[in-house]
Amino acid sequence: MWEVCSNIVIGLYILDMWSVLFVMYVGVCSNIVIGLYVLDMWSVLFVMYEGGMF
């Protein structure tokens, strides 16, 4: 009985680690995408501004 319990606990622990990694991965990826999007917007504004200068 103890073996089954420890296996369940280990399984939950591994699942928990994976879910934490998954959340971190998704969070980092969405931050990178948002960052690239914001950078892209700024570069478009900058190009428009530079184009207006000439």
C-alpha atoms as a PDB file:
ATOM      1  CA  MET A   1       0.000   0.000   0.000  1.00  0.00           C
ATOM      2  CA  TRP A   2       2.847   2.394   0.862  1.00  0.00           C
ATOM      3  CA  GLU A   3       4.447   1.762  -2.527  1.00  0.00           C
ATOM      4  CA  VAL A   4       1.266   2.808  -4.345  1.00  0.00           C
ATOM      5  CA  CYS A   5       1.013   5.963  -2.218  1.00  0.00           C
ATOM      6  CA  SER A   6       4.646   6.916  -2.830  1.00  0.00           C
ATOM      7  CA  ASN A   7       4.222   6.269  -6.572  1.00  0.00           C
ATOM      8  CA  ILE A   8       1.162   8.546  -6.634  1.00  0.00           C
ATOM      9  CA  VAL A   9       3.044  11.241  -4.714  1.00  0.00           C
ATOM     10  CA  ILE A  10       6.059  10.984  -7.042  1.00  0.00           C
ATOM     11  CA  GLY A  11       3.737  11.094 -10.068  1.00  0.00           C
ATOM     12  CA  LEU A  12       1.991  14.218  -8.733  1.00  0.00           C
ATOM     13  CA  TYR A  13       5.361  15.799  -7.959  1.00  0.00           C
ATOM     14  CA  ILE A  14       6.643  15.166 -11.505  1.00  0.00           C
ATOM     15  CA  LEU A  15       3.360  16.450 -12.979  1.00  0.00           C
ATOM     16  CA  ASP A  16       3.640  19.529 -10.775  1.00  0.00           C
ATOM     17  CA  MET A  17       7.192  20.177 -11.945  1.00  0.00           C
ATOM     18  CA  TRP A  18       6.080  19.841 -15.566  1.00  0.00           C
ATOM     19  CA  SER A  19       3.152  22.179 -15.058  1.00  0.00           C
ATOM     20  CA  VAL A  20       5.438  24.761 -13.430  1.00  0.00           C
ATOM     21  CA  LEU A  21       7.878  24.474 -16.356  1.00  0.00           C
ATOM     22  CA  PHE A  22       4.960  24.724 -18.788  1.00  0.00           C
ATOM     23  CA  VAL A  23       3.597  27.863 -17.106  1.00  0.00           C
ATOM     24  CA  MET A  24       7.074  29.431 -17.072  1.00  0.00           C
ATOM     25  CA  TYR A  25       7.568  28.491 -20.742  1.00  0.00           C
ATOM     26  CA  VAL A  26       4.206  29.921 -21.796  1.00  0.00           C
ATOM     27  CA  GLY A  27       4.790  33.079 -19.747  1.00  0.00           C
ATOM     28  CA  VAL A  28       8.234  33.656 -21.215  1.00  0.00           C
ATOM     29  CA  CYS A  29       7.044  32.984 -24.767  1.00  0.00           C
ATOM     30  CA  SER A  30       4.102  35.356 -24.475  1.00  0.00           C
ATOM     31  CA  ASN A  31       6.401  38.026 -22.999  1.00  0.00           C
ATOM     32  CA  ILE A  32       8.811  37.611 -25.912  1.00  0.00           C
ATOM     33  CA  VAL A  33       5.960  37.815 -28.436  1.00  0.00           C
ATOM     34  CA  ILE A  34       4.530  40.915 -26.724  1.00  0.00           C
ATOM     35  CA  GLY A  35       8.025  42.436 -26.577  1.00  0.00           C
ATOM     36  CA  LEU A  36       8.616  41.790 -30.274  1.00  0.00           C
ATOM     37  CA  TYR A  37       5.191  43.219 -31.092  1.00  0.00           C
ATOM     38  CA  VAL A  38       5.876  46.385 -29.078  1.00  0.00           C
ATOM     39  CA  LEU A  39       9.369  46.688 -30.613  1.00  0.00           C
ATOM     40  CA  ASP A  40       7.827  46.245 -34.055  1.00  0.00           C
ATOM     41  CA  MET A  41       5.286  48.994 -33.356  1.00  0.00           C
ATOM     42  CA  TRP A  42       8.070  51.310 -32.169  1.00  0.00           C
ATOM     43  CA  SER A  43      10.216  50.565 -35.226  1.00  0.00           C
ATOM     44  CA  VAL A  44       7.228  51.274 -37.508  1.00  0.00           C
ATOM     45  CA  LEU A  45       6.638  54.590 -35.705  1.00  0.00           C
ATOM     46  CA  PHE A  46      10.360  55.374 -35.919  1.00  0.00           C
ATOM     47  CA  VAL A  47      10.456  54.648 -39.668  1.00  0.00           C
ATOM     48  CA  MET A  48       7.364  56.810 -40.176  1.00  0.00           C
ATOM     49  CA  TYR A  49       8.967  59.583 -38.119  1.00  0.00           C
ATOM     50  CA  GLU A  50      12.255  59.327 -40.039  1.00  0.00           C
ATOM     51  CA  GLY A  51      10.335  59.287 -43.311  1.00  0.00           C
ATOM     52  CA  GLY A  52       8.511  62.452 -42.252  1.00  0.00           C
ATOM     53  CA  MET A  53      11.824  64.145 -41.469  1.00  0.00           C
ATOM     54  CA  PHE A  54      13.212  63.774 -44.991  1.00  0.00           C
END
